[in-house]
Amino acid sequence: MLVGIKDGRFFLGNFYCIDKQGNIILQDTVEYRSTRRSSPSPMEQRCIGLILIPSSCRTSCHVDCSIDEQLSLLSIPEK
């Protein structure tokens, strides 16, 4: 899952859970943020591990999965 927050940083990690308030917890997370223009790489990254992202800070949320997984989520099981 890729989560963006208001200050421009992004967090890429495995979805762990969401609480009643809408806060997201990611595990094995990597933080990405913009660096100065003098740096050879436009993005800096660091390993975070487990992180709670408050719903009030979140600006975007994307889930990455394969086409087969997407289709299985769309299918309605027959009873």
N, C-alpha and C. Protein backbone atom coordinates (compact mmCIF):
# COMPACT_ATOMS: atom_id res chain seq x y z
N MET A 1 0.85 -1.16 0.00
CA MET A 1 0.00 0.00 0.00
C MET A 1 0.90 1.23 0.00
N LEU A 2 0.53 2.22 -0.79
CA LEU A 2 1.25 3.49 -0.88
C LEU A 2 0.35 4.57 -0.31
N VAL A 3 0.84 5.27 0.74
CA VAL A 3 0.05 6.30 1.40
C VAL A 3 0.81 7.62 1.34
N GLY A 4 0.13 8.66 0.85
CA GLY A 4 0.71 10.00 0.81
C GLY A 4 0.17 10.84 1.96
N ILE A 5 1.02 11.73 2.49
CA ILE A 5 0.56 12.61 3.57
C ILE A 5 0.77 14.07 3.18
N LYS A 6 0.20 14.98 3.98
CA LYS A 6 0.12 16.40 3.64
C LYS A 6 1.47 17.08 3.42
N ASP A 7 2.53 16.64 4.07
CA ASP A 7 3.82 17.31 3.92
C ASP A 7 4.61 16.83 2.70
N GLY A 8 4.00 15.98 1.87
CA GLY A 8 4.62 15.55 0.63
C GLY A 8 5.34 14.21 0.69
N ARG A 9 5.43 13.63 1.87
CA ARG A 9 6.08 12.32 1.99
C ARG A 9 5.11 11.21 1.58
N PHE A 10 5.70 10.07 1.19
CA PHE A 10 4.94 8.87 0.86
C PHE A 10 5.48 7.72 1.66
N PHE A 11 4.61 6.81 2.04
CA PHE A 11 5.00 5.60 2.77
C PHE A 11 4.52 4.39 2.00
N LEU A 12 5.45 3.48 1.73
CA LEU A 12 5.15 2.25 1.00
C LEU A 12 5.39 1.09 1.94
N GLY A 13 4.33 0.33 2.22
CA GLY A 13 4.47 -0.80 3.15
C GLY A 13 3.32 -1.77 3.00
N ASN A 14 3.39 -2.81 3.81
CA ASN A 14 2.33 -3.83 3.82
C ASN A 14 1.23 -3.38 4.77
N PHE A 15 -0.01 -3.41 4.27
CA PHE A 15 -1.16 -3.04 5.10
C PHE A 15 -1.26 -3.99 6.27
N TYR A 16 -1.37 -3.44 7.49
CA TYR A 16 -1.52 -4.27 8.69
C TYR A 16 -2.96 -4.17 9.21
N CYS A 17 -3.45 -2.94 9.41
CA CYS A 17 -4.84 -2.78 9.86
C CYS A 17 -5.26 -1.32 9.77
N ILE A 18 -6.55 -1.11 9.99
CA ILE A 18 -7.12 0.23 10.07
C ILE A 18 -8.02 0.25 11.31
N ASP A 19 -7.97 1.36 12.08
CA ASP A 19 -8.77 1.40 13.30
C ASP A 19 -10.08 2.17 13.07
N LYS A 20 -10.88 2.32 14.13
CA LYS A 20 -12.19 2.96 14.02
C LYS A 20 -12.09 4.41 13.54
N GLN A 21 -10.99 5.08 13.85
CA GLN A 21 -10.81 6.47 13.46
C GLN A 21 -10.28 6.62 12.03
N GLY A 22 -9.95 5.51 11.37
CA GLY A 22 -9.46 5.55 10.01
C GLY A 22 -7.95 5.67 9.89
N ASN A 23 -7.25 5.54 11.02
CA ASN A 23 -5.79 5.54 11.00
C ASN A 23 -5.31 4.24 10.39
N ILE A 24 -4.27 4.31 9.56
CA ILE A 24 -3.74 3.12 8.89
C ILE A 24 -2.42 2.73 9.53
N ILE A 25 -2.24 1.45 9.77
CA ILE A 25 -0.96 0.93 10.25
C ILE A 25 -0.34 0.10 9.13
N LEU A 26 0.90 0.46 8.77
CA LEU A 26 1.68 -0.27 7.77
C LEU A 26 2.88 -0.93 8.45
N GLN A 27 3.27 -2.08 7.94
CA GLN A 27 4.47 -2.75 8.45
C GLN A 27 5.49 -2.88 7.33
N ASP A 28 6.75 -3.07 7.69
CA ASP A 28 7.85 -3.15 6.71
C ASP A 28 7.81 -1.94 5.77
N THR A 29 7.70 -0.76 6.34
CA THR A 29 7.45 0.46 5.59
C THR A 29 8.74 1.18 5.21
N VAL A 30 8.71 1.78 4.02
CA VAL A 30 9.80 2.64 3.55
C VAL A 30 9.21 4.03 3.32
N GLU A 31 9.90 5.06 3.85
CA GLU A 31 9.47 6.45 3.67
C GLU A 31 10.20 7.04 2.47
N TYR A 32 9.47 7.75 1.62
CA TYR A 32 10.05 8.46 0.47
C TYR A 32 9.75 9.93 0.62
N ARG A 33 10.79 10.77 0.42
CA ARG A 33 10.57 12.22 0.47
C ARG A 33 11.48 12.92 -0.52
N SER A 34 11.05 14.10 -0.94
CA SER A 34 11.83 14.89 -1.90
C SER A 34 13.10 15.38 -1.23
N THR A 35 14.18 15.45 -2.02
CA THR A 35 15.45 15.97 -1.52
C THR A 35 15.77 17.29 -2.20
N ARG A 36 16.85 17.88 -1.81
CA ARG A 36 17.28 19.13 -2.44
C ARG A 36 17.62 18.89 -3.90
N ARG A 37 17.57 19.93 -4.68
CA ARG A 37 17.83 19.81 -6.11
C ARG A 37 19.28 19.45 -6.41
N SER A 38 20.20 19.73 -5.48
CA SER A 38 21.61 19.42 -5.72
C SER A 38 21.91 17.92 -5.62
N SER A 39 20.99 17.18 -5.04
CA SER A 39 21.18 15.74 -4.89
C SER A 39 21.01 15.03 -6.24
N PRO A 40 21.81 13.98 -6.50
CA PRO A 40 21.65 13.26 -7.77
C PRO A 40 20.32 12.52 -7.88
N SER A 41 19.75 12.12 -6.76
CA SER A 41 18.47 11.42 -6.76
C SER A 41 17.38 12.36 -6.25
N PRO A 42 16.25 12.46 -6.97
CA PRO A 42 15.19 13.38 -6.55
C PRO A 42 14.42 12.92 -5.31
N MET A 43 14.51 11.63 -4.97
CA MET A 43 13.80 11.10 -3.81
C MET A 43 14.78 10.44 -2.85
N GLU A 44 14.58 10.68 -1.58
CA GLU A 44 15.37 10.04 -0.53
C GLU A 44 14.48 9.00 0.14
N GLN A 45 15.05 7.89 0.53
CA GLN A 45 14.24 6.86 1.19
C GLN A 45 14.92 6.38 2.46
N ARG A 46 14.11 5.93 3.41
CA ARG A 46 14.63 5.32 4.64
C ARG A 46 13.63 4.29 5.14
N CYS A 47 14.15 3.25 5.76
CA CYS A 47 13.32 2.18 6.30
C CYS A 47 12.73 2.63 7.63
N ILE A 48 11.42 2.45 7.77
CA ILE A 48 10.71 2.87 8.97
C ILE A 48 10.29 1.66 9.81
N GLY A 49 9.80 0.61 9.17
CA GLY A 49 9.26 -0.54 9.90
C GLY A 49 7.77 -0.38 10.09
N LEU A 50 7.30 -0.38 11.34
CA LEU A 50 5.87 -0.27 11.67
C LEU A 50 5.54 1.21 11.88
N ILE A 51 4.45 1.67 11.24
CA ILE A 51 4.08 3.08 11.36
C ILE A 51 2.57 3.24 11.37
N LEU A 52 2.09 4.19 12.18
CA LEU A 52 0.68 4.55 12.20
C LEU A 52 0.55 5.88 11.47
N ILE A 53 -0.32 5.93 10.47
CA ILE A 53 -0.55 7.15 9.70
C ILE A 53 -1.94 7.66 10.04
N PRO A 54 -2.02 8.80 10.74
CA PRO A 54 -3.32 9.34 11.13
C PRO A 54 -4.17 9.72 9.91
N SER A 55 -5.46 9.50 10.01
CA SER A 55 -6.35 9.82 8.89
C SER A 55 -6.34 11.30 8.58
N SER A 56 -6.09 12.14 9.57
CA SER A 56 -6.09 13.59 9.36
C SER A 56 -4.90 14.06 8.51
N CYS A 57 -3.84 13.25 8.42
CA CYS A 57 -2.63 13.61 7.65
C CYS A 57 -2.65 13.04 6.25
N ARG A 58 -3.49 12.05 6.00
CA ARG A 58 -3.47 11.30 4.74
C ARG A 58 -4.08 12.11 3.59
N THR A 59 -3.39 12.10 2.44
CA THR A 59 -3.92 12.76 1.24
C THR A 59 -4.25 11.76 0.14
N SER A 60 -3.57 10.61 0.12
CA SER A 60 -3.84 9.60 -0.91
C SER A 60 -3.52 8.22 -0.37
N CYS A 61 -4.13 7.24 -1.02
CA CYS A 61 -3.96 5.86 -0.58
C CYS A 61 -4.16 4.96 -1.80
N HIS A 62 -3.14 4.16 -2.13
CA HIS A 62 -3.21 3.29 -3.29
C HIS A 62 -2.80 1.87 -2.90
N VAL A 63 -3.54 0.91 -3.43
CA VAL A 63 -3.23 -0.50 -3.18
C VAL A 63 -2.70 -1.09 -4.47
N ASP A 64 -1.56 -1.77 -4.37
CA ASP A 64 -0.94 -2.39 -5.54
C ASP A 64 -1.20 -3.90 -5.48
N CYS A 65 -1.82 -4.43 -6.52
CA CYS A 65 -2.02 -5.87 -6.59
C CYS A 65 -2.07 -6.29 -8.06
N SER A 66 -1.96 -7.58 -8.28
CA SER A 66 -1.94 -8.11 -9.65
C SER A 66 -3.34 -8.02 -10.29
N ILE A 67 -3.38 -8.19 -11.59
CA ILE A 67 -4.65 -8.18 -12.32
C ILE A 67 -5.58 -9.28 -11.81
N ASP A 68 -5.04 -10.48 -11.57
CA ASP A 68 -5.85 -11.58 -11.06
C ASP A 68 -6.47 -11.24 -9.71
N GLU A 69 -5.68 -10.59 -8.83
CA GLU A 69 -6.21 -10.19 -7.53
C GLU A 69 -7.31 -9.14 -7.68
N GLN A 70 -7.11 -8.19 -8.60
CA GLN A 70 -8.13 -7.18 -8.85
C GLN A 70 -9.42 -7.81 -9.34
N LEU A 71 -9.32 -8.76 -10.28
CA LEU A 71 -10.51 -9.43 -10.80
C LEU A 71 -11.21 -10.24 -9.72
N SER A 72 -10.44 -10.90 -8.85
CA SER A 72 -11.07 -11.70 -7.79
C SER A 72 -11.81 -10.80 -6.80
N LEU A 73 -11.31 -9.58 -6.59
CA LEU A 73 -12.00 -8.66 -5.70
C LEU A 73 -13.31 -8.18 -6.31
N LEU A 74 -13.39 -8.15 -7.63
CA LEU A 74 -14.59 -7.69 -8.32
C LEU A 74 -15.64 -8.76 -8.49
N SER A 75 -15.23 -10.02 -8.43
CA SER A 75 -16.18 -11.12 -8.66
C SER A 75 -17.07 -11.32 -7.44
N ILE A 76 -18.31 -11.66 -7.71
CA ILE A 76 -19.28 -11.92 -6.65
C ILE A 76 -19.45 -13.44 -6.56
N PRO A 77 -19.19 -13.99 -5.37
CA PRO A 77 -19.33 -15.46 -5.24
C PRO A 77 -20.80 -15.88 -5.36
N GLU A 78 -21.00 -16.98 -6.06
CA GLU A 78 -22.36 -17.52 -6.21
C GLU A 78 -22.70 -18.39 -5.02
N LYS A 79 -23.98 -18.33 -4.59
CA LYS A 79 -24.41 -19.12 -3.44
C LYS A 79 -25.35 -20.21 -3.86
